[in-house]
Protein backbone atom coordinates (compact mmCIF):
# COMPACT_ATOMS: atom_id res chain seq x y z
CA UNK A 1 -15.21 -1.48 5.52
CA UNK A 2 -15.28 -5.20 4.72
CA UNK A 3 -12.61 -7.83 5.31
CA UNK A 4 -11.59 -10.95 3.39
CA UNK A 5 -9.46 -13.74 4.83
CA UNK A 6 -6.67 -15.06 2.60
CA UNK A 7 -4.16 -17.81 3.37
CA UNK A 8 -0.81 -17.04 1.75
CA UNK A 9 2.06 -19.51 2.32
CA UNK A 10 0.28 -20.65 5.49
CA UNK A 11 0.11 -17.12 6.85
CA UNK A 12 -3.18 -15.55 7.87
CA UNK A 13 -3.90 -12.33 6.01
CA UNK A 14 -6.94 -10.10 6.38
CA UNK A 15 -7.57 -8.01 3.28
CA UNK A 16 -9.45 -4.78 3.90
CA UNK A 17 -11.62 -2.86 1.47
CA UNK A 18 -9.75 0.16 2.87
CA UNK A 19 -6.80 -1.02 0.74
CA UNK A 20 -4.53 -2.59 3.33
CA UNK A 21 -3.65 -6.03 4.70
CA UNK A 22 -3.42 -7.13 8.31
CA UNK A 23 -0.87 -9.94 8.80
CA UNK A 24 -2.05 -11.85 11.82
CA UNK A 25 1.11 -13.79 12.73
CA UNK A 26 3.27 -10.65 12.84
CA UNK A 27 0.59 -8.25 14.12
CA UNK A 28 1.52 -6.06 11.15
CA UNK A 29 -0.45 -3.73 8.92
CA UNK A 30 0.75 -3.62 5.28
CA UNK A 31 -0.08 -1.06 2.62
CA UNK A 32 1.50 0.60 -0.41
CA UNK A 33 1.43 3.77 -2.49
CA UNK A 34 -0.27 6.13 -0.06
CA UNK A 35 1.21 9.11 -1.96
CA UNK A 36 0.62 11.43 0.97
CA UNK A 37 1.15 15.07 0.01
CA UNK A 38 0.07 14.52 -3.59
CA UNK A 39 -2.82 16.98 -3.46
CA UNK A 40 -0.54 19.55 -1.79
CA UNK A 41 1.99 19.00 -4.58
CA UNK A 42 -0.69 19.71 -7.18
CA UNK A 43 -1.84 22.83 -5.33
CA UNK A 44 1.72 24.17 -5.29
CA UNK A 45 1.66 23.70 -9.07
CA UNK A 46 -1.51 25.81 -9.36
CA UNK A 47 -4.04 22.97 -9.60
CA UNK A 48 -6.66 23.62 -6.86
CA UNK A 49 -7.28 20.11 -5.53
CA UNK A 50 -9.05 19.97 -2.14
CA UNK A 51 -7.05 18.89 0.90
CA UNK A 52 -10.01 16.71 1.91
CA UNK A 53 -8.63 13.98 -0.41
CA UNK A 54 -5.49 13.70 1.72
CA UNK A 55 -7.43 13.97 4.98
CA UNK A 56 -9.73 11.12 3.96
CA UNK A 57 -6.75 8.86 3.26
CA UNK A 58 -5.19 9.77 6.59
CA UNK A 59 -8.49 9.08 8.36
CA UNK A 60 -8.68 5.61 6.76
CA UNK A 61 -5.18 4.88 8.05
CA UNK A 62 -6.24 6.07 11.50
CA UNK A 63 -9.25 3.74 11.38
CA UNK A 64 -7.15 0.74 10.35
CA UNK A 65 -4.66 1.28 13.16
CA UNK A 66 -7.52 1.67 15.65
CA UNK A 67 -9.19 -1.50 14.40
CA UNK A 68 -6.23 -3.88 14.22
CA UNK A 69 -3.97 -2.34 16.88
CA UNK A 70 -0.85 -3.45 14.97
CA UNK A 71 2.61 -3.42 16.52
CA UNK A 72 4.12 -2.62 13.14
CA UNK A 73 3.23 -0.81 9.92
CA UNK A 74 5.01 -1.61 6.64
CA UNK A 75 4.54 0.75 3.69
CA UNK A 76 5.75 -0.90 0.47
CA UNK A 77 6.92 2.28 -1.21
CA UNK A 78 5.70 5.69 -2.33
CA UNK A 79 4.49 6.78 1.07
CA UNK A 80 4.90 10.44 0.07
CA UNK A 81 4.42 11.72 -3.43
CA UNK A 82 7.12 14.38 -3.76
CA UNK A 83 8.85 17.19 -1.88
CA UNK A 84 7.60 18.39 1.49
CA UNK A 85 4.50 20.59 1.73
CA UNK A 86 1.93 21.52 4.38
CA UNK A 87 0.36 18.06 4.31
CA UNK A 88 3.58 16.63 5.73
CA UNK A 89 2.99 18.67 8.88
CA UNK A 90 -0.42 17.04 9.31
CA UNK A 91 1.16 13.63 8.87
CA UNK A 92 3.77 14.46 11.51
CA UNK A 93 0.95 15.16 13.97
CA UNK A 94 -0.66 11.81 13.09
CA UNK A 95 2.68 10.06 13.59
CA UNK A 96 3.16 11.67 17.00
CA UNK A 97 -0.25 10.36 18.05
CA UNK A 98 0.92 6.81 17.20
CA UNK A 99 4.55 7.12 18.29
CA UNK A 100 4.54 3.58 19.73
CA UNK A 101 3.85 2.04 16.30
CA UNK A 102 6.97 0.55 14.70
CA UNK A 103 6.97 2.10 11.22
CA UNK A 104 8.97 0.79 8.23
CA UNK A 105 9.04 2.32 4.75
CA UNK A 106 10.35 0.21 1.87
CA UNK A 107 11.61 3.02 -0.33
CA UNK A 108 9.82 3.61 -3.63
CA UNK A 109 10.54 5.81 -6.63
CA UNK A 110 8.50 8.73 -5.23
CA UNK A 111 10.16 8.65 -1.80
CA UNK A 112 12.61 11.54 -2.28
CA UNK A 113 12.37 13.30 1.08
CA UNK A 114 15.52 13.91 3.11
CA UNK A 115 16.42 10.92 5.26
CA UNK A 116 16.70 13.19 8.31
CA UNK A 117 12.97 13.87 8.12
CA UNK A 118 12.16 10.16 8.41
CA UNK A 119 14.54 9.89 11.36
CA UNK A 120 12.89 12.82 13.12
CA UNK A 121 9.47 11.14 13.04
CA UNK A 122 10.86 7.68 13.80
CA UNK A 123 10.31 5.94 10.47
CA UNK A 124 12.83 3.27 9.48
CA UNK A 125 13.63 3.35 5.75
CA UNK A 126 14.68 0.19 3.89
CA UNK A 127 16.31 1.42 0.68
CA UNK A 128 19.13 -0.95 -0.39
CA UNK A 129 17.46 -4.36 -0.56
CA UNK A 130 14.12 -6.04 0.03
CA UNK A 131 12.80 -6.02 3.56
CA UNK A 132 12.81 -9.63 4.77
CA UNK A 133 10.20 -10.79 7.29
CA UNK A 134 10.04 -14.55 6.58
CA UNK A 135 8.30 -16.06 4.77
CA UNK A 136 7.71 -12.74 3.02
CA UNK A 137 9.91 -10.14 1.34
CA UNK A 138 8.85 -6.59 0.57
CA UNK A 139 10.02 -4.52 -2.39
CA UNK A 140 8.31 -1.64 -4.20
CA UNK A 141 8.62 -2.79 -7.82
CA UNK A 142 8.07 -6.47 -8.65
CA UNK A 143 10.26 -6.20 -11.77
CA UNK A 144 13.31 -6.14 -9.47
CA UNK A 145 12.68 -9.36 -7.56
CA UNK A 146 14.94 -11.50 -9.79
CA UNK A 147 17.89 -9.34 -8.75
CA UNK A 148 17.81 -10.77 -5.23
CA UNK A 149 18.75 -14.44 -5.33
CA UNK A 150 18.98 -14.60 -1.55
CA UNK A 151 15.20 -14.08 -1.47
CA UNK A 152 14.34 -16.78 -4.00
CA UNK A 153 12.39 -18.78 -1.41
CA UNK A 154 10.41 -15.75 -0.23
CA UNK A 155 6.99 -14.64 -1.38
CA UNK A 156 7.15 -10.98 -2.35
CA UNK A 157 4.77 -8.15 -1.55
CA UNK A 158 5.06 -5.27 -3.99
CA UNK A 159 3.28 -2.07 -5.00
CA UNK A 160 4.12 0.55 -7.63
CA UNK A 161 1.60 -0.53 -10.31
CA UNK A 162 -1.65 0.62 -8.64
CA UNK A 163 -3.26 -2.63 -9.88
CA UNK A 164 -6.78 -2.75 -11.26
CA UNK A 165 -9.00 -5.43 -12.72
CA UNK A 166 -11.57 -5.22 -15.49
CA UNK A 167 -14.98 -6.68 -14.65
CA UNK A 168 -17.40 -7.23 -17.50
CA UNK A 169 -21.17 -7.24 -17.14
CA UNK A 170 -24.14 -7.64 -19.41
CA UNK A 171 -24.76 -5.57 -22.53
CA UNK A 172 -21.03 -4.99 -23.02
CA UNK A 173 -20.79 -3.13 -19.75
CA UNK A 174 -17.36 -3.12 -18.14
CA UNK A 175 -15.79 -1.30 -15.21
CA UNK A 176 -12.31 -1.08 -13.72
CA UNK A 177 -11.70 -1.51 -9.99
CA UNK A 178 -8.60 -1.43 -7.78
CA UNK A 179 -7.58 -4.86 -6.58
CA UNK A 180 -5.33 -7.09 -4.52
CA UNK A 181 -3.39 -9.25 -6.96
CA UNK A 182 -1.77 -12.51 -5.79
CA UNK A 183 0.46 -14.27 -8.32
CA UNK A 184 2.62 -17.36 -7.87
CA UNK A 185 5.73 -15.46 -6.73
CA UNK A 186 4.48 -12.07 -5.66
CA UNK A 187 1.48 -9.98 -4.69
CA UNK A 188 0.75 -6.47 -5.95
CA UNK A 189 -1.02 -4.28 -3.42
CA UNK A 190 -3.63 -1.69 -4.40
CA UNK A 191 -2.68 1.95 -4.07
CA UNK A 192 -3.77 3.09 -0.63
CA UNK A 193 -4.39 6.55 -2.07
CA UNK A 194 -7.75 6.85 -3.78
CA UNK A 195 -6.31 9.72 -5.82
CA UNK A 196 -4.42 7.44 -8.21
CA UNK A 197 -4.84 5.78 -11.58
CA UNK A 198 -5.04 2.06 -12.29
CA UNK A 199 -2.83 -0.35 -14.19
CA UNK A 200 -5.14 -3.08 -15.48
CA UNK A 201 -3.78 -6.55 -14.71
CA UNK A 202 -4.26 -9.61 -16.91
CA UNK A 203 -5.28 -12.39 -14.57
CA UNK A 204 -3.78 -15.86 -15.07
CA UNK A 205 -5.69 -18.99 -14.07
CA UNK A 206 -3.29 -19.61 -11.19
CA UNK A 207 -3.64 -16.06 -9.80
CA UNK A 208 -6.04 -14.88 -7.11
CA UNK A 209 -7.58 -11.44 -7.42
CA UNK A 210 -9.87 -9.54 -5.08
CA UNK A 211 -11.53 -6.47 -6.58
CA UNK A 212 -12.34 -3.55 -4.29
CA UNK A 213 -15.84 -2.49 -5.23
CA UNK A 214 -16.91 0.34 -2.96
CA UNK A 215 -16.74 -1.13 0.54
CA UNK A 216 -16.87 -4.72 -0.73
CA UNK A 217 -14.19 -7.24 -1.68
CA UNK A 218 -15.11 -9.53 -4.56
CA UNK A 219 -12.98 -12.46 -5.71
CA UNK A 220 -12.68 -12.34 -9.49
């Protein structure tokens, strides 16, 4: 895993090639679109995907928490992919091992589990408005940020898109990579889950983009 420092509105952020951000001032780990339980959902539908995909994602989260020792974890939507399955039981065990970690989920479109389940494993769910932790605000889908005038001075962290960037090489070679995307008003976080597609972003001159290439972070 490699790290990249990024100053955003005078806050110190550490971007990880493991698809998360450590916010130094708040001792907070930030990620989005983990889609836990997605492989179990596919298996229930008769598609034999290996559980190792989910276990690898959970192991990366374990490693990030061990490395940064955050007091708080913010997931910017789509923490779980669909209805409960056996992979949720494995996540519950992980959560119990880190019971002291303050855990906040900013609800996304895939987060359809019963609210009682989140309460049982001590996860706070923010579902009605952006989560405000000045100078930042957190909402799953960036297309909704103009609906919240009270947050007009905040810089938004969003997810939902699973952003990717196209990198062109010689001889017409080109490859797509997941990325951290920082625009003027909002950032789009990469999908934490590696079992996800990409939405290719069109970079503006004023934007800052870090491609995740294997275990490296490359500014584009």
